[in-house]
Amino acid sequence: MQIVSAYQELGSYRAAAKACGTTPKTVRRVIERQRAGGLAPPRKERERNTDAVADLVAERVAASDGRISAKRLLPVARAAGYAGSARNLRRLVAEAKARHRRERRVYRPWVPSPGGHLVIDWTPAGGFQMFGAVLAWCRYRFVRFATDQRRATTLALVAECLEEIGGVPSVVLSDRMAGLRANEVAGLVVPHPDYVRFCAHYGTRPDFCWAADPESKGMVEHLMGYAQRDLVVPAGRFTDLAQANGAARIWCEEVNGRVHTEIAAIPAERLIAEQEHLRPLPELRAALFAGLARKVDRLSCVRLGSARYSVPHALVGAQVLVAPEEGEIVIRHQGHEVARHTLVAPGGVAIADEHYGGSRPGPSRSPRPRSGAERAFCALGPEAERFLVAAAAAGTQRLPSEITQILGLEAAFGRDLVVSAIERAHRFHRYGADDVRAILAAGAGVAEIVAPGAPLTLALPSARARPLSAYAPARRP
């Protein structure tokens, strides 16, 4: 606008350029563009040699919460193909850190209210799964061990925790445990129906944190780390569950009887004050669903939903509990899991080979002799049984009379030779008594066995040889 105004006032490209501190060519381009009604072309950003690693730097800065330095990032950028100077990379890292500070999450302290929240979590520890819970206002801590993190186990430990604190808080807060959620819609968790019934029975409300957001339940996260360092590490690996839970009870009594540094009070004493704000426990305890009772049938299977599921064959006739869990069928006996199968459609069968002592053998129909001739023929050994099965499968006519005639050959040739002839006849699919008799007559039913590489002695017929000259055409005179 200054160039246009100066040109309109002075009427000369050179004079306007001198007044605006530019060149006459620039003034001319601006005036011609203004007369044509055009606008200035958009400014094209110059390419930087740091553009190739800009995403990598932003990712590393976000992952380290803005703590990583450009010196640490330089080797990574070099490996990613950056060929610029360290100074340019420092500028890029500074811009990424400034952007991260503007976009980073704003934290504010959580002020819990009495009787408000019970925060729960799971973590592996000491060879078992460790369950932890913290009553938010009084900081009362509860730790137990279990063999799994399933829904029934979680609800049983939550019920035990409520019994110990002597009341029910308004909200039970957890992360998105697979056993407690049924589905997710638009980032919102739909609780499992069993969890909803459990909370309705106790008069509390289930709540879930955002995904991958441990800060929202940092209270119980700190408890799990504290229990790992102060309870699990000194004790090492627990030998059994009873020992682990015994140590957990003693540890909880100790830590709940000491002054908590955050609230400057003893959690066990502060719990007494918070119990006035907790809802009373129901008179009847929640009936936790452990599964449907089923009797194992003689096929070593149980039925659920018109489908069969195998269990170890040693449990035939025993009562087991069958429960569907997250698309699987879990079968327990006396509190221990004995089988787990993927859910199948009605009419389907889910079988594990180890429940039957190994893989399924191929179908076989062994002979069951009834008459005297049949028993005598099968008494010749497994070769005779295989011959009989194959002969029946081939549709051999008058098979009973054929085996009677074969048995009659034993008196003339002996048992061993007859058995060898039967085996040879079976090999070449010849199932008649005449075939066995021909084999015995031709070679006593056996072939001569020689060592590998030795020449065979064959009784071949001799033929009169003729010289090649006998086949030459006769010459014409």
Protein backbone atom coordinates (compact mmCIF):
# COMPACT_ATOMS: atom_id res chain seq x y z
CA MET A 1 0.00 0.00 0.00
CA GLN A 2 2.92 2.38 0.62
CA ILE A 3 4.27 1.71 -2.89
CA VAL A 4 0.86 2.31 -4.48
CA SER A 5 0.35 5.53 -2.47
CA ALA A 6 3.84 6.80 -3.30
CA TYR A 7 3.37 6.12 -7.01
CA GLN A 8 -0.02 7.85 -7.07
CA GLU A 9 1.52 10.90 -5.39
CA LEU A 10 4.79 11.07 -7.34
CA GLY A 11 3.74 9.50 -10.67
CA SER A 12 7.11 7.85 -11.37
CA TYR A 13 8.44 4.35 -10.75
CA ARG A 14 11.90 5.66 -9.93
CA ALA A 15 10.61 8.37 -7.55
CA ALA A 16 8.27 5.95 -5.80
CA ALA A 17 11.06 3.39 -5.47
CA LYS A 18 13.37 5.98 -3.93
CA ALA A 19 10.66 7.09 -1.49
CA CYS A 20 9.87 3.49 -0.40
CA GLY A 21 13.44 2.23 -0.35
CA THR A 22 13.01 -0.38 -3.07
CA THR A 23 13.74 -0.82 -6.77
CA PRO A 24 11.79 0.60 -9.76
CA LYS A 25 11.13 -2.95 -11.01
CA THR A 26 9.43 -3.82 -7.77
CA VAL A 27 7.29 -0.69 -7.99
CA ARG A 28 6.31 -1.53 -11.53
CA ARG A 29 5.29 -5.11 -10.63
CA VAL A 30 3.21 -3.88 -7.70
CA ILE A 31 1.45 -1.21 -9.76
CA GLU A 32 0.74 -3.58 -12.66
CA ARG A 33 -0.66 -6.19 -10.28
CA GLN A 34 -2.80 -3.53 -8.58
CA ARG A 35 -4.16 -2.33 -11.90
CA ALA A 36 -4.99 -5.89 -12.94
CA GLY A 37 -6.92 -6.38 -9.69
CA GLY A 38 -4.69 -9.26 -8.54
CA LEU A 39 -3.48 -10.13 -5.08
CA ALA A 40 0.00 -10.93 -3.91
CA PRO A 41 0.86 -14.61 -4.42
CA PRO A 42 1.03 -16.68 -1.26
CA ARG A 43 4.46 -16.83 0.23
CA LYS A 44 6.13 -20.17 -0.27
CA GLU A 45 7.85 -21.53 2.75
CA ARG A 46 11.42 -22.50 2.19
CA GLU A 47 12.37 -26.08 2.82
CA ARG A 48 14.58 -26.68 5.84
CA ASN A 49 17.09 -29.43 6.29
CA THR A 50 15.38 -30.25 9.58
CA ASP A 51 12.00 -31.05 8.02
CA ALA A 52 12.90 -34.73 7.59
CA VAL A 53 13.38 -35.24 11.35
CA ALA A 54 10.78 -32.77 12.65
CA ASP A 55 8.27 -35.53 13.47
CA LEU A 56 10.96 -37.62 15.14
CA VAL A 57 12.07 -34.73 17.32
CA ALA A 58 8.47 -33.86 18.28
CA GLU A 59 7.82 -37.48 19.23
CA ARG A 60 10.94 -37.74 21.40
CA VAL A 61 10.24 -34.41 23.08
CA ALA A 62 6.67 -35.47 23.89
CA ALA A 63 7.80 -38.89 25.16
CA SER A 64 10.33 -37.30 27.52
CA ASP A 65 7.92 -34.54 28.58
CA GLY A 66 10.31 -31.93 27.17
CA ARG A 67 13.34 -33.13 29.13
CA ILE A 68 15.48 -34.56 26.33
CA SER A 69 18.30 -32.37 25.04
CA ALA A 70 19.38 -31.59 21.47
CA LYS A 71 22.75 -33.17 22.23
CA ARG A 72 21.03 -36.49 22.94
CA LEU A 73 18.84 -36.17 19.86
CA LEU A 74 21.67 -35.39 17.45
CA PRO A 75 22.90 -39.03 17.03
CA VAL A 76 19.31 -40.20 16.59
CA ALA A 77 18.67 -37.52 13.96
CA ARG A 78 21.92 -38.42 12.17
CA ALA A 79 20.82 -42.04 12.03
CA ALA A 80 17.48 -40.91 10.59
CA GLY A 81 19.23 -39.08 7.74
CA TYR A 82 19.73 -35.57 9.11
CA ALA A 83 22.76 -33.93 7.49
CA GLY A 84 22.43 -30.38 8.87
CA SER A 85 24.32 -28.64 11.62
CA ALA A 86 23.92 -29.13 15.33
CA ARG A 87 22.83 -25.48 15.62
CA ASN A 88 19.82 -26.01 13.34
CA LEU A 89 18.85 -29.09 15.31
CA ARG A 90 19.05 -27.12 18.57
CA ARG A 91 16.64 -24.56 17.09
CA LEU A 92 14.25 -27.34 16.04
CA VAL A 93 14.36 -28.94 19.49
CA ALA A 94 13.76 -25.55 21.14
CA GLU A 95 10.70 -24.97 18.95
CA ALA A 96 9.39 -28.48 19.73
CA LYS A 97 9.86 -27.93 23.47
CA ALA A 98 8.09 -24.56 23.32
CA ARG A 99 5.20 -26.16 21.44
CA HIS A 100 5.09 -29.00 23.95
CA ARG A 101 4.93 -26.57 26.89
CA ARG A 102 1.96 -24.82 25.29
CA GLU A 103 0.17 -28.13 24.65
CA ARG A 104 1.17 -30.12 27.74
CA ARG A 105 -1.39 -31.29 30.23
CA VAL A 106 -2.35 -28.96 33.09
CA TYR A 107 -2.34 -30.74 36.45
CA ARG A 108 -4.16 -29.69 39.56
CA PRO A 109 -4.30 -31.45 42.95
CA TRP A 110 -7.15 -33.81 43.66
CA VAL A 111 -9.05 -32.93 46.82
CA PRO A 112 -10.84 -36.13 47.94
CA SER A 113 -13.88 -35.98 50.14
CA PRO A 114 -14.68 -38.34 53.05
CA GLY A 115 -16.52 -41.43 51.86
CA GLY A 116 -15.90 -40.51 48.25
CA HIS A 117 -13.56 -42.83 46.35
CA LEU A 118 -11.99 -46.25 46.66
CA VAL A 119 -9.22 -46.60 44.05
CA ILE A 120 -8.19 -50.13 42.98
CA ASP A 121 -5.51 -51.64 40.73
CA TRP A 122 -3.63 -54.87 39.84
CA THR A 123 0.05 -55.60 39.19
CA PRO A 124 2.20 -58.78 38.98
CA ALA A 125 4.42 -59.25 42.05
CA GLY A 126 6.18 -62.03 43.94
CA GLY A 127 5.09 -64.78 41.56
CA PHE A 128 1.40 -63.86 42.01
CA GLN A 129 -0.95 -61.02 41.07
CA MET A 130 -1.08 -58.22 43.64
CA PHE A 131 -4.34 -56.34 44.24
CA GLY A 132 -4.23 -52.91 45.85
CA ALA A 133 -6.88 -50.46 47.03
CA VAL A 134 -6.70 -47.03 48.70
CA LEU A 135 -9.52 -45.21 50.44
CA ALA A 136 -8.77 -41.76 49.07
CA TRP A 137 -9.54 -39.40 51.96
CA CYS A 138 -7.98 -41.31 54.87
CA ARG A 139 -5.29 -43.02 52.73
CA TYR A 140 -6.15 -46.42 54.24
CA ARG A 141 -4.33 -49.08 52.19
CA PHE A 142 -5.39 -52.64 51.35
CA VAL A 143 -3.11 -55.20 49.62
CA ARG A 144 -3.80 -58.85 48.78
CA PHE A 145 -2.41 -61.50 46.42
CA ALA A 146 -4.23 -63.81 44.01
CA THR A 147 -3.43 -66.22 41.20
CA ASP A 148 -5.27 -64.29 38.47
CA GLN A 149 -6.91 -60.95 37.69
CA ARG A 150 -10.29 -62.29 36.63
CA ARG A 151 -13.57 -60.61 37.32
CA ALA A 152 -14.69 -63.01 40.06
CA THR A 153 -11.33 -62.63 41.84
CA THR A 154 -11.44 -58.82 41.59
CA LEU A 155 -14.98 -58.58 42.94
CA ALA A 156 -14.17 -60.97 45.79
CA LEU A 157 -11.19 -58.82 46.85
CA VAL A 158 -13.20 -55.59 46.55
CA ALA A 159 -15.82 -57.18 48.82
CA GLU A 160 -13.10 -58.19 51.30
CA CYS A 161 -11.73 -54.64 51.24
CA LEU A 162 -15.17 -53.16 51.95
CA GLU A 163 -15.55 -55.57 54.86
CA GLU A 164 -12.21 -54.45 56.27
CA ILE A 165 -12.87 -50.71 56.03
CA GLY A 166 -16.35 -51.23 57.46
CA GLY A 167 -18.37 -49.32 54.89
CA VAL A 168 -19.03 -48.53 51.24
CA PRO A 169 -17.66 -45.41 49.47
CA SER A 170 -19.64 -43.57 46.81
CA VAL A 171 -17.38 -44.50 43.89
CA VAL A 172 -15.03 -47.39 43.07
CA LEU A 173 -12.42 -46.03 40.64
CA SER A 174 -10.30 -48.37 38.49
CA ASP A 175 -8.50 -48.44 35.18
CA ARG A 176 -10.05 -50.21 32.22
CA MET A 177 -9.67 -53.73 33.59
CA ALA A 178 -10.65 -56.36 31.06
CA GLY A 179 -12.63 -58.28 33.67
CA LEU A 180 -14.73 -55.28 34.73
CA ARG A 181 -15.65 -53.83 31.34
CA ALA A 182 -18.00 -55.27 28.75
CA ASN A 183 -17.41 -52.80 25.91
CA GLU A 184 -16.19 -49.33 24.96
CA VAL A 185 -18.19 -46.77 23.01
CA ALA A 186 -16.63 -43.46 21.93
CA GLY A 187 -13.95 -43.86 24.60
CA LEU A 188 -16.55 -44.54 27.31
CA VAL A 189 -16.51 -47.82 29.24
CA VAL A 190 -19.61 -49.98 29.49
CA PRO A 191 -19.25 -51.96 32.76
CA HIS A 192 -19.79 -55.70 32.74
CA PRO A 193 -23.29 -56.72 33.95
CA ASP A 194 -21.78 -58.70 36.84
CA TYR A 195 -19.86 -55.61 37.96
CA VAL A 196 -23.00 -53.47 37.71
CA ARG A 197 -24.94 -55.96 39.84
CA PHE A 198 -22.11 -56.06 42.37
CA CYS A 199 -22.00 -52.26 42.70
CA ALA A 200 -25.80 -52.03 42.86
CA HIS A 201 -25.82 -54.58 45.68
CA TYR A 202 -23.33 -52.56 47.73
CA GLY A 203 -24.79 -49.18 46.79
CA THR A 204 -21.72 -47.74 45.06
CA ARG A 205 -20.98 -46.54 41.53
CA PRO A 206 -18.31 -47.92 39.15
CA ASP A 207 -16.01 -45.43 37.47
CA PHE A 208 -13.12 -45.87 35.03
CA CYS A 209 -10.04 -43.80 34.23
CA TRP A 210 -9.07 -42.70 30.75
CA ALA A 211 -7.05 -45.22 28.77
CA ALA A 212 -3.26 -45.09 29.29
CA ASP A 213 -3.65 -42.47 32.00
CA PRO A 214 -2.01 -43.69 35.24
CA GLU A 215 -1.92 -40.12 36.62
CA SER A 216 -5.69 -40.23 37.17
CA LYS A 217 -5.20 -42.95 39.80
CA GLY A 218 -1.72 -42.05 40.98
CA MET A 219 -2.72 -42.73 44.58
CA VAL A 220 -3.01 -46.48 44.05
CA GLU A 221 -0.11 -46.47 41.58
CA HIS A 222 2.09 -45.15 44.39
CA LEU A 223 0.75 -47.87 46.69
CA MET A 224 1.68 -50.62 44.21
CA GLY A 225 5.23 -49.30 43.92
CA TYR A 226 5.50 -48.90 47.70
CA ALA A 227 4.30 -52.49 48.25
CA GLN A 228 6.74 -53.78 45.64
CA ARG A 229 9.71 -52.12 47.37
CA ASP A 230 8.73 -52.61 51.00
CA LEU A 231 6.79 -55.90 50.95
CA VAL A 232 7.66 -58.00 47.90
CA VAL A 233 11.36 -57.28 47.39
CA PRO A 234 12.45 -58.05 50.99
CA ALA A 235 10.36 -61.25 51.03
CA GLY A 236 11.45 -62.40 47.57
CA ARG A 237 9.27 -64.92 45.78
CA PHE A 238 6.42 -66.27 47.91
CA THR A 239 6.06 -70.05 48.06
CA ASP A 240 2.27 -70.16 48.26
CA LEU A 241 -0.73 -67.85 48.26
CA ALA A 242 -1.47 -68.21 51.97
CA GLN A 243 2.04 -67.07 52.88
CA ALA A 244 1.78 -64.08 50.53
CA ASN A 245 -1.57 -62.94 51.92
CA GLY A 246 -0.38 -63.43 55.49
CA ALA A 247 2.59 -61.16 54.83
CA ALA A 248 0.29 -58.65 53.10
CA ARG A 249 -2.02 -58.42 56.13
CA ILE A 250 0.87 -57.81 58.51
CA TRP A 251 2.35 -55.18 56.18
CA CYS A 252 -0.98 -53.35 55.84
CA GLU A 253 -1.36 -53.19 59.62
CA GLU A 254 2.10 -51.65 59.90
CA VAL A 255 1.75 -49.02 57.18
CA ASN A 256 -1.79 -48.08 58.22
CA GLY A 257 -0.57 -47.59 61.78
CA ARG A 258 2.21 -45.14 60.77
CA VAL A 259 1.91 -41.44 59.98
CA HIS A 260 1.22 -40.85 56.32
CA THR A 261 3.52 -38.12 54.99
CA GLU A 262 0.89 -36.63 52.66
CA ILE A 263 -1.90 -36.14 55.22
CA ALA A 264 0.33 -36.00 58.33
CA ALA A 265 -2.03 -38.41 60.08
CA ILE A 266 -2.34 -42.11 60.82
CA PRO A 267 -4.63 -43.76 58.21
CA ALA A 268 -6.07 -46.29 60.69
CA GLU A 269 -7.15 -43.48 63.03
CA ARG A 270 -8.43 -41.32 60.19
CA LEU A 271 -10.48 -44.27 58.92
CA ILE A 272 -12.56 -44.13 62.10
CA ALA A 273 -13.55 -40.58 61.24
CA GLU A 274 -14.30 -41.46 57.61
CA GLN A 275 -16.49 -44.43 58.55
CA GLU A 276 -19.17 -41.95 59.59
CA HIS A 277 -19.41 -40.86 55.94
CA LEU A 278 -19.33 -44.35 54.41
CA ARG A 279 -22.52 -46.09 53.47
CA PRO A 280 -23.35 -49.13 55.63
CA LEU A 281 -22.57 -52.59 54.35
CA PRO A 282 -25.60 -54.59 53.15
CA GLU A 283 -26.87 -57.30 55.48
CA LEU A 284 -26.51 -59.94 52.77
CA ARG A 285 -23.18 -60.24 51.03
CA ALA A 286 -23.11 -60.31 47.24
CA ALA A 287 -23.34 -63.76 45.71
CA LEU A 288 -20.36 -63.73 43.39
CA PHE A 289 -20.90 -65.78 40.24
CA ALA A 290 -18.32 -68.55 40.11
CA GLY A 291 -19.93 -70.58 37.34
CA LEU A 292 -22.68 -73.05 36.54
CA ALA A 293 -22.47 -76.49 38.12
CA ARG A 294 -22.07 -79.27 35.59
CA LYS A 295 -21.33 -83.00 35.87
CA VAL A 296 -18.57 -84.40 33.66
CA ASP A 297 -20.04 -87.09 31.40
CA ARG A 298 -18.37 -90.33 30.34
CA LEU A 299 -16.97 -88.56 27.25
CA SER A 300 -14.96 -86.36 29.64
CA CYS A 301 -16.99 -83.32 28.54
CA VAL A 302 -19.41 -80.81 30.02
CA ARG A 303 -22.23 -79.10 28.18
CA LEU A 304 -22.96 -75.38 28.13
CA GLY A 305 -25.17 -73.61 25.63
CA SER A 306 -25.73 -76.84 23.63
CA ALA A 307 -21.96 -77.18 23.11
CA ARG A 308 -19.45 -79.63 24.57
CA TYR A 309 -16.15 -78.72 26.26
CA SER A 310 -13.57 -81.31 27.29
CA VAL A 311 -11.99 -81.64 30.75
CA PRO A 312 -9.26 -84.02 32.01
CA HIS A 313 -10.54 -87.62 31.87
CA ALA A 314 -9.73 -88.09 35.56
CA LEU A 315 -12.74 -85.86 36.38
CA VAL A 316 -15.36 -88.12 34.77
CA GLY A 317 -18.38 -88.09 37.06
CA ALA A 318 -17.15 -85.10 39.11
CA GLN A 319 -18.96 -81.77 39.60
CA VAL A 320 -17.26 -78.74 38.05
CA LEU A 321 -18.08 -75.04 37.65
CA VAL A 322 -18.36 -73.70 34.09
CA ALA A 323 -18.21 -69.93 33.55
CA PRO A 324 -18.01 -67.83 30.36
CA GLU A 325 -15.34 -65.12 30.56
CA GLU A 326 -14.49 -62.72 27.71
CA GLY A 327 -15.24 -65.09 24.85
CA GLU A 328 -13.79 -68.12 26.66
CA ILE A 329 -15.19 -70.95 28.74
CA VAL A 330 -13.34 -71.50 32.02
CA ILE A 331 -13.89 -74.76 33.90
CA ARG A 332 -12.89 -75.01 37.57
CA HIS A 333 -12.86 -77.90 40.02
CA GLN A 334 -12.51 -77.30 43.77
CA GLY A 335 -11.38 -73.72 43.15
CA HIS A 336 -8.69 -74.61 40.59
CA GLU A 337 -8.89 -74.02 36.87
CA VAL A 338 -8.76 -77.35 35.03
CA ALA A 339 -9.66 -76.34 31.45
CA ARG A 340 -10.08 -73.28 29.27
CA HIS A 341 -11.65 -73.26 25.79
CA THR A 342 -12.65 -70.71 23.19
CA LEU A 343 -16.42 -70.26 23.06
CA VAL A 344 -17.97 -72.36 20.27
CA ALA A 345 -21.38 -72.19 18.60
CA PRO A 346 -24.28 -74.38 19.77
CA GLY A 347 -23.72 -77.93 18.62
CA GLY A 348 -19.94 -77.43 18.46
CA VAL A 349 -17.28 -79.33 20.37
CA ALA A 350 -14.06 -77.94 21.90
CA ILE A 351 -11.54 -80.68 22.71
CA ALA A 352 -7.98 -80.56 24.05
CA ASP A 353 -5.88 -83.65 23.27
CA GLU A 354 -4.06 -83.50 26.60
CA HIS A 355 -7.38 -84.18 28.37
CA TYR A 356 -7.41 -87.65 26.78
CA GLY A 357 -3.75 -88.53 27.21
CA GLY A 358 -2.61 -87.57 23.72
CA SER A 359 -3.78 -86.97 20.19
CA ARG A 360 -6.72 -88.90 18.82
CA PRO A 361 -5.69 -92.23 17.21
CA GLY A 362 -6.88 -93.14 13.74
CA PRO A 363 -10.07 -95.20 13.39
CA SER A 364 -9.50 -98.95 13.65
CA ARG A 365 -11.76 -102.01 13.68
CA SER A 366 -9.97 -104.94 15.23
CA PRO A 367 -11.52 -108.38 14.66
CA ARG A 368 -13.57 -110.01 17.40
CA PRO A 369 -13.53 -113.77 16.70
CA ARG A 370 -16.56 -115.80 17.72
CA SER A 371 -16.39 -119.18 15.96
CA GLY A 372 -13.65 -121.74 16.50
CA ALA A 373 -12.16 -121.17 13.02
CA GLU A 374 -12.06 -117.41 13.57
CA ARG A 375 -10.35 -117.77 16.93
CA ALA A 376 -7.80 -120.22 15.50
CA PHE A 377 -7.06 -117.93 12.54
CA CYS A 378 -6.61 -114.80 14.76
CA ALA A 379 -4.37 -116.90 17.04
CA LEU A 380 -1.81 -116.96 14.19
CA GLY A 381 -0.83 -113.43 15.20
CA PRO A 382 -1.24 -109.79 14.15
CA GLU A 383 -0.43 -110.66 10.51
CA ALA A 384 -3.52 -112.86 10.39
CA GLU A 385 -5.66 -110.13 11.99
CA ARG A 386 -4.49 -107.55 9.45
CA PHE A 387 -5.16 -110.07 6.63
CA LEU A 388 -8.67 -110.69 7.95
CA VAL A 389 -9.51 -106.97 8.28
CA ALA A 390 -8.23 -106.19 4.77
CA ALA A 391 -10.01 -109.20 3.26
CA ALA A 392 -13.31 -108.14 4.79
CA ALA A 393 -12.82 -104.55 3.58
CA ALA A 394 -12.07 -105.82 0.05
CA GLY A 395 -15.38 -107.70 -0.05
CA THR A 396 -13.89 -111.20 -0.26
CA GLN A 397 -16.66 -113.73 -0.88
CA ARG A 398 -16.95 -116.89 1.25
CA LEU A 399 -14.36 -115.52 3.68
CA PRO A 400 -15.20 -118.02 6.48
CA SER A 401 -14.47 -120.99 4.17
CA GLU A 402 -11.31 -119.28 2.87
CA ILE A 403 -9.81 -118.91 6.34
CA THR A 404 -10.77 -122.53 7.13
CA GLN A 405 -8.84 -123.70 4.07
CA ILE A 406 -5.86 -121.53 5.02
CA LEU A 407 -5.85 -123.09 8.49
CA GLY A 408 -5.71 -126.51 6.81
CA LEU A 409 -2.42 -125.56 5.14
CA GLU A 410 -0.71 -125.36 8.54
CA ALA A 411 -0.53 -129.14 8.80
CA ALA A 412 1.39 -129.42 5.51
CA PHE A 413 3.68 -126.36 5.62
CA GLY A 414 3.98 -125.46 9.27
CA ARG A 415 2.80 -122.44 11.24
CA ASP A 416 5.69 -120.07 10.44
CA LEU A 417 5.50 -120.59 6.68
CA VAL A 418 1.72 -120.13 6.65
CA VAL A 419 2.03 -116.88 8.61
CA SER A 420 4.70 -115.63 6.19
CA ALA A 421 2.50 -116.56 3.22
CA ILE A 422 -0.47 -114.75 4.77
CA GLU A 423 1.66 -111.63 5.24
CA ARG A 424 2.84 -111.80 1.62
CA ALA A 425 -0.69 -112.31 0.32
CA HIS A 426 -1.85 -109.28 2.33
CA ARG A 427 0.96 -107.19 0.87
CA PHE A 428 -0.20 -107.95 -2.69
CA HIS A 429 -3.95 -107.78 -1.86
CA ARG A 430 -4.61 -111.47 -2.54
CA TYR A 431 -7.12 -112.84 -0.03
CA GLY A 432 -8.06 -116.29 -1.31
CA ALA A 433 -6.94 -119.64 0.07
CA ASP A 434 -5.68 -120.60 -3.42
CA ASP A 435 -3.46 -117.48 -3.43
CA VAL A 436 -1.88 -118.45 -0.10
CA ARG A 437 -1.45 -122.05 -1.35
CA ALA A 438 0.25 -120.79 -4.55
CA ILE A 439 2.64 -118.64 -2.52
CA LEU A 440 3.56 -121.61 -0.37
CA ALA A 441 4.06 -123.85 -3.37
CA ALA A 442 6.17 -121.30 -5.27
CA GLY A 443 8.62 -120.24 -2.62
CA ALA A 444 7.56 -121.73 0.68
CA GLY A 445 5.95 -118.37 1.37
CA VAL A 446 9.13 -116.42 1.96
CA ALA A 447 11.79 -114.76 -0.13
CA GLU A 448 15.45 -115.32 0.56
CA ILE A 449 16.82 -112.52 2.71
CA VAL A 450 20.31 -111.34 1.82
CA ALA A 451 22.54 -108.65 3.26
CA PRO A 452 22.37 -105.14 1.74
CA GLY A 453 24.55 -104.99 -1.40
CA ALA A 454 24.89 -108.78 -1.74
CA PRO A 455 23.95 -110.36 -5.11
CA LEU A 456 20.62 -112.06 -5.38
CA THR A 457 20.54 -115.75 -6.23
CA LEU A 458 17.74 -116.12 -8.73
CA ALA A 459 16.88 -119.41 -10.46
CA LEU A 460 16.15 -117.97 -13.90
CA PRO A 461 15.49 -120.20 -16.96
CA SER A 462 18.26 -120.38 -19.54
CA ALA A 463 17.70 -119.51 -23.21
CA ARG A 464 19.78 -120.37 -26.32
CA ALA A 465 21.73 -117.31 -27.41
CA ARG A 466 22.18 -116.33 -31.08
CA PRO A 467 25.04 -114.18 -32.43
CA LEU A 468 24.36 -110.78 -33.91
CA SER A 469 25.45 -111.96 -37.35
CA ALA A 470 22.38 -114.11 -37.46
CA TYR A 471 20.29 -110.96 -37.71
CA ALA A 472 22.29 -109.40 -40.59
CA PRO A 473 20.43 -109.14 -43.91
CA ALA A 474 21.53 -111.53 -46.62
CA ARG A 475 23.58 -110.10 -49.46
CA ARG A 476 22.14 -110.18 -52.96
CA PRO A 477 24.30 -111.74 -55.72
